[in-house]
Amino acid sequence: MSAVETPQDAVQEEQPPPTEPAAAGTRKRPRLDLGGSAGRERKRGKSMFGLLVGTLNKAKIEDKERNASEAAKKRQLIEQRLQNKLRKETDSVRRAEEAKKDKMVANRKEEELQLKDSIEAPAAPVPAESEMEGVVEQKEPENVRKEEPADDDDAVEY
């Protein structure tokens, strides 16, 4: 080493070598030089990117124009109406299903209470066979259909 040190030499000696992990993260990656064709490739890439950006901007402008037209406004209005109608139908169906479920739960509870009351109530004395001799059971004819009450929950109005 020379006896006279310049300030640049002192700065270079104080810097840590670039092989340390902390210094490696801050360094930029060196560019690869592929020869004379690298300049042409870069120029070509820039022009391709410019074409792509231009195409996207043109499509964006066309989309804005299309949305500003009267037909687009009519489409949006129709779509809003359909969404509102669908929302109303969905709500009515959900309410009908909830009402049906509530009715089923109420019927089930009522049946349970009736069963519980019949179990707790004192049983009627069973008549002896001698008392039953004069009583004739009446059967309903099998070919006659019984009408069941209409279930209002099954019919949903829209």
C-alpha atoms as a PDB file:
ATOM      1  CA  MET A   1       0.000   0.000   0.000  1.00  0.00           C
ATOM      2  CA  SER A   2       1.071   3.515  -0.563  1.00  0.00           C
ATOM      3  CA  ALA A   3       1.904   5.862   2.223  1.00  0.00           C
ATOM      4  CA  VAL A   4      -0.641   8.390   1.057  1.00  0.00           C
ATOM      5  CA  GLU A   5      -4.243   7.327   1.243  1.00  0.00           C
ATOM      6  CA  THR A   6      -6.898   9.149  -0.666  1.00  0.00           C
ATOM      7  CA  PRO A   7     -10.380   9.656   0.801  1.00  0.00           C
ATOM      8  CA  GLN A   8     -11.806   7.210  -1.748  1.00  0.00           C
ATOM      9  CA  ASP A   9      -9.496   4.466  -0.518  1.00  0.00           C
ATOM     10  CA  ALA A  10     -10.652   5.040   3.050  1.00  0.00           C
ATOM     11  CA  VAL A  11     -14.324   4.818   2.023  1.00  0.00           C
ATOM     12  CA  GLN A  12     -13.715   1.595   0.103  1.00  0.00           C
ATOM     13  CA  GLU A  13     -11.997  -0.003   3.068  1.00  0.00           C
ATOM     14  CA  GLU A  14     -14.864   0.898   5.438  1.00  0.00           C
ATOM     15  CA  GLN A  15     -17.571  -0.629   3.229  1.00  0.00           C
ATOM     16  CA  PRO A  16     -18.339  -4.283   3.957  1.00  0.00           C
ATOM     17  CA  PRO A  17     -17.722  -6.735   1.169  1.00  0.00           C
ATOM     18  CA  PRO A  18     -20.783  -7.370  -1.076  1.00  0.00           C
ATOM     19  CA  THR A  19     -20.931 -11.043  -0.095  1.00  0.00           C
ATOM     20  CA  GLU A  20     -22.620 -10.284   3.238  1.00  0.00           C
ATOM     21  CA  PRO A  21     -26.366 -11.045   3.360  1.00  0.00           C
ATOM     22  CA  ALA A  22     -27.364  -7.489   4.345  1.00  0.00           C
ATOM     23  CA  ALA A  23     -25.528  -5.993   1.413  1.00  0.00           C
ATOM     24  CA  ALA A  24     -26.823  -8.604  -1.036  1.00  0.00           C
ATOM     25  CA  GLY A  25     -30.470  -7.543  -0.491  1.00  0.00           C
ATOM     26  CA  THR A  26     -29.808  -3.903  -1.360  1.00  0.00           C
ATOM     27  CA  ARG A  27     -27.758  -4.499  -4.483  1.00  0.00           C
ATOM     28  CA  LYS A  28     -29.417  -4.504  -7.868  1.00  0.00           C
ATOM     29  CA  ARG A  29     -29.171  -7.537 -10.057  1.00  0.00           C
ATOM     30  CA  PRO A  30     -26.745  -6.974 -12.925  1.00  0.00           C
ATOM     31  CA  ARG A  31     -28.238  -6.895 -16.393  1.00  0.00           C
ATOM     32  CA  LEU A  32     -27.376  -9.637 -18.778  1.00  0.00           C
ATOM     33  CA  ASP A  33     -25.851  -8.459 -22.014  1.00  0.00           C
ATOM     34  CA  LEU A  34     -26.962 -10.784 -24.761  1.00  0.00           C
ATOM     35  CA  GLY A  35     -25.002  -9.012 -27.446  1.00  0.00           C
ATOM     36  CA  GLY A  36     -26.351  -6.747 -30.156  1.00  0.00           C
ATOM     37  CA  SER A  37     -29.779  -8.387 -30.277  1.00  0.00           C
ATOM     38  CA  ALA A  38     -30.674  -7.146 -26.756  1.00  0.00           C
ATOM     39  CA  GLY A  39     -31.357  -3.624 -28.020  1.00  0.00           C
ATOM     40  CA  ARG A  40     -33.699  -4.847 -30.733  1.00  0.00           C
ATOM     41  CA  GLU A  41     -35.571  -7.133 -28.312  1.00  0.00           C
ATOM     42  CA  ARG A  42     -36.047  -4.322 -25.837  1.00  0.00           C
ATOM     43  CA  LYS A  43     -37.316  -1.985 -28.553  1.00  0.00           C
ATOM     44  CA  ARG A  44     -39.706  -4.676 -29.803  1.00  0.00           C
ATOM     45  CA  GLY A  45     -41.004  -5.317 -26.254  1.00  0.00           C
ATOM     46  CA  LYS A  46     -41.682  -1.612 -25.750  1.00  0.00           C
ATOM     47  CA  SER A  47     -43.624  -1.358 -28.996  1.00  0.00           C
ATOM     48  CA  MET A  48     -45.674  -4.475 -28.160  1.00  0.00           C
ATOM     49  CA  PHE A  49     -46.465  -3.066 -24.722  1.00  0.00           C
ATOM     50  CA  GLY A  50     -47.489   0.250 -26.320  1.00  0.00           C
ATOM     51  CA  LEU A  51     -49.864  -1.577 -28.674  1.00  0.00           C
ATOM     52  CA  LEU A  52     -51.387  -3.489 -25.780  1.00  0.00           C
ATOM     53  CA  VAL A  53     -51.929  -0.343 -23.686  1.00  0.00           C
ATOM     54  CA  GLY A  54     -53.472   1.415 -26.694  1.00  0.00           C
ATOM     55  CA  THR A  55     -55.882  -1.467 -27.287  1.00  0.00           C
ATOM     56  CA  LEU A  56     -56.938  -1.492 -23.645  1.00  0.00           C
ATOM     57  CA  ASN A  57     -57.529   2.278 -23.643  1.00  0.00           C
ATOM     58  CA  LYS A  58     -59.611   2.018 -26.813  1.00  0.00           C
ATOM     59  CA  ALA A  59     -61.746  -0.762 -25.277  1.00  0.00           C
ATOM     60  CA  LYS A  60     -62.207   1.342 -22.130  1.00  0.00           C
ATOM     61  CA  ILE A  61     -63.451   4.315 -24.166  1.00  0.00           C
ATOM     62  CA  GLU A  62     -65.830   2.126 -26.173  1.00  0.00           C
ATOM     63  CA  ASP A  63     -67.219   0.624 -22.957  1.00  0.00           C
ATOM     64  CA  LYS A  64     -67.891   4.089 -21.530  1.00  0.00           C
ATOM     65  CA  GLU A  65     -69.682   5.130 -24.729  1.00  0.00           C
ATOM     66  CA  ARG A  66     -71.791   1.965 -24.744  1.00  0.00           C
ATOM     67  CA  ASN A  67     -72.801   2.456 -21.100  1.00  0.00           C
ATOM     68  CA  ALA A  68     -73.752   6.070 -21.782  1.00  0.00           C
ATOM     69  CA  SER A  69     -76.176   5.153 -24.588  1.00  0.00           C
ATOM     70  CA  GLU A  70     -79.958   4.995 -24.154  1.00  0.00           C
ATOM     71  CA  ALA A  71     -80.066   1.245 -24.773  1.00  0.00           C
ATOM     72  CA  ALA A  72     -77.596   0.682 -21.945  1.00  0.00           C
ATOM     73  CA  LYS A  73     -79.685   2.811 -19.608  1.00  0.00           C
ATOM     74  CA  LYS A  74     -82.775   0.786 -20.529  1.00  0.00           C
ATOM     75  CA  ARG A  75     -80.891  -2.465 -19.910  1.00  0.00           C
ATOM     76  CA  GLN A  76     -79.787  -1.246 -16.499  1.00  0.00           C
ATOM     77  CA  LEU A  77     -83.346  -0.206 -15.626  1.00  0.00           C
ATOM     78  CA  ILE A  78     -84.735  -3.594 -16.686  1.00  0.00           C
ATOM     79  CA  GLU A  79     -82.018  -5.383 -14.721  1.00  0.00           C
ATOM     80  CA  GLN A  80     -82.867  -3.361 -11.599  1.00  0.00           C
ATOM     81  CA  ARG A  81     -86.547  -4.234 -11.964  1.00  0.00           C
ATOM     82  CA  LEU A  82     -85.750  -7.927 -12.332  1.00  0.00           C
ATOM     83  CA  GLN A  83     -83.499  -7.849  -9.275  1.00  0.00           C
ATOM     84  CA  ASN A  84     -86.232  -6.167  -7.207  1.00  0.00           C
ATOM     85  CA  LYS A  85     -88.811  -8.698  -8.386  1.00  0.00           C
ATOM     86  CA  LEU A  86     -86.477 -11.589  -7.581  1.00  0.00           C
ATOM     87  CA  ARG A  87     -85.778 -10.146  -4.135  1.00  0.00           C
ATOM     88  CA  LYS A  88     -89.524  -9.828  -3.413  1.00  0.00           C
ATOM     89  CA  GLU A  89     -90.229 -13.390  -4.567  1.00  0.00           C
ATOM     90  CA  THR A  90     -87.361 -14.729  -2.493  1.00  0.00           C
ATOM     91  CA  ASP A  91     -88.633 -12.888   0.570  1.00  0.00           C
ATOM     92  CA  SER A  92     -92.193 -14.147   0.110  1.00  0.00           C
ATOM     93  CA  VAL A  93     -91.038 -17.738  -0.359  1.00  0.00           C
ATOM     94  CA  ARG A  94     -88.827 -17.494   2.719  1.00  0.00           C
ATOM     95  CA  ARG A  95     -91.682 -16.043   4.783  1.00  0.00           C
ATOM     96  CA  ALA A  96     -94.040 -18.785   3.576  1.00  0.00           C
ATOM     97  CA  GLU A  97     -91.515 -21.468   4.513  1.00  0.00           C
ATOM     98  CA  GLU A  98     -90.990 -19.902   7.933  1.00  0.00           C
ATOM     99  CA  ALA A  99     -94.755 -19.763   8.506  1.00  0.00           C
ATOM    100  CA  LYS A 100     -95.082 -23.408   7.471  1.00  0.00           C
ATOM    101  CA  LYS A 101     -92.270 -24.392   9.810  1.00  0.00           C
ATOM    102  CA  ASP A 102     -93.806 -22.411  12.681  1.00  0.00           C
ATOM    103  CA  LYS A 103     -97.172 -24.050  12.062  1.00  0.00           C
ATOM    104  CA  MET A 104     -95.589 -27.515  12.049  1.00  0.00           C
ATOM    105  CA  VAL A 105     -93.798 -26.773  15.318  1.00  0.00           C
ATOM    106  CA  ALA A 106     -97.037 -25.501  16.879  1.00  0.00           C
ATOM    107  CA  ASN A 107     -98.934 -28.608  15.707  1.00  0.00           C
ATOM    108  CA  ARG A 108     -96.227 -30.879  17.064  1.00  0.00           C
ATOM    109  CA  LYS A 109     -96.307 -29.126  20.450  1.00  0.00           C
ATOM    110  CA  GLU A 110    -100.089 -29.347  20.537  1.00  0.00           C
ATOM    111  CA  GLU A 111     -99.976 -33.074  19.764  1.00  0.00           C
ATOM    112  CA  GLU A 112     -97.364 -33.581  22.476  1.00  0.00           C
ATOM    113  CA  LEU A 113     -99.559 -31.730  24.977  1.00  0.00           C
ATOM    114  CA  GLN A 114    -102.598 -33.795  23.993  1.00  0.00           C
ATOM    115  CA  LEU A 115    -100.585 -36.989  24.345  1.00  0.00           C
ATOM    116  CA  LYS A 116     -99.255 -35.850  27.696  1.00  0.00           C
ATOM    117  CA  ASP A 117    -102.770 -34.946  28.870  1.00  0.00           C
ATOM    118  CA  SER A 118    -104.147 -38.298  27.741  1.00  0.00           C
ATOM    119  CA  ILE A 119    -101.394 -40.134  29.587  1.00  0.00           C
ATOM    120  CA  GLU A 120    -101.908 -38.122  32.760  1.00  0.00           C
ATOM    121  CA  ALA A 121    -105.730 -38.340  32.640  1.00  0.00           C
ATOM    122  CA  PRO A 122    -107.225 -41.298  34.480  1.00  0.00           C
ATOM    123  CA  ALA A 123    -108.083 -44.092  32.122  1.00  0.00           C
ATOM    124  CA  ALA A 124    -111.773 -44.840  31.572  1.00  0.00           C
ATOM    125  CA  PRO A 125    -112.802 -48.228  32.912  1.00  0.00           C
ATOM    126  CA  VAL A 126    -112.829 -50.893  30.230  1.00  0.00           C
ATOM    127  CA  PRO A 127    -116.240 -52.564  30.011  1.00  0.00           C
ATOM    128  CA  ALA A 128    -116.298 -56.255  30.624  1.00  0.00           C
ATOM    129  CA  GLU A 129    -117.058 -58.651  27.774  1.00  0.00           C
ATOM    130  CA  SER A 130    -120.489 -59.337  29.153  1.00  0.00           C
ATOM    131  CA  GLU A 131    -121.331 -55.636  28.802  1.00  0.00           C
ATOM    132  CA  MET A 132    -119.984 -55.570  25.236  1.00  0.00           C
ATOM    133  CA  GLU A 133    -122.255 -58.323  23.899  1.00  0.00           C
ATOM    134  CA  GLY A 134    -125.117 -56.032  22.999  1.00  0.00           C
ATOM    135  CA  VAL A 135    -122.924 -53.300  21.470  1.00  0.00           C
ATOM    136  CA  VAL A 136    -122.249 -53.556  17.753  1.00  0.00           C
ATOM    137  CA  GLU A 137    -119.331 -51.678  16.259  1.00  0.00           C
ATOM    138  CA  GLN A 138    -120.190 -49.520  13.320  1.00  0.00           C
ATOM    139  CA  LYS A 139    -117.686 -49.501  10.505  1.00  0.00           C
ATOM    140  CA  GLU A 140    -117.450 -46.877   7.849  1.00  0.00           C
ATOM    141  CA  PRO A 141    -117.739 -48.125   4.306  1.00  0.00           C
ATOM    142  CA  GLU A 142    -114.321 -48.516   2.711  1.00  0.00           C
ATOM    143  CA  ASN A 143    -115.261 -47.126  -0.684  1.00  0.00           C
ATOM    144  CA  VAL A 144    -116.205 -43.706   0.758  1.00  0.00           C
ATOM    145  CA  ARG A 145    -113.325 -41.244   0.758  1.00  0.00           C
ATOM    146  CA  LYS A 146    -112.887 -38.835   3.589  1.00  0.00           C
ATOM    147  CA  GLU A 147    -112.151 -35.270   2.620  1.00  0.00           C
ATOM    148  CA  GLU A 148    -109.056 -33.930   4.224  1.00  0.00           C
ATOM    149  CA  PRO A 149    -108.890 -30.254   5.087  1.00  0.00           C
ATOM    150  CA  ALA A 150    -106.946 -28.210   2.535  1.00  0.00           C
ATOM    151  CA  ASP A 151    -103.464 -27.248   3.640  1.00  0.00           C
ATOM    152  CA  ASP A 152    -103.097 -23.489   3.075  1.00  0.00           C
ATOM    153  CA  ASP A 153     -99.339 -23.640   3.544  1.00  0.00           C
ATOM    154  CA  ASP A 154     -98.793 -25.701   0.397  1.00  0.00           C
ATOM    155  CA  ALA A 155    -100.330 -23.032  -1.839  1.00  0.00           C
ATOM    156  CA  VAL A 156     -97.931 -20.100  -2.146  1.00  0.00           C
ATOM    157  CA  GLU A 157     -99.093 -17.001  -3.960  1.00  0.00           C
ATOM    158  CA  TYR A 158     -96.592 -15.064  -6.055  1.00  0.00           C
END
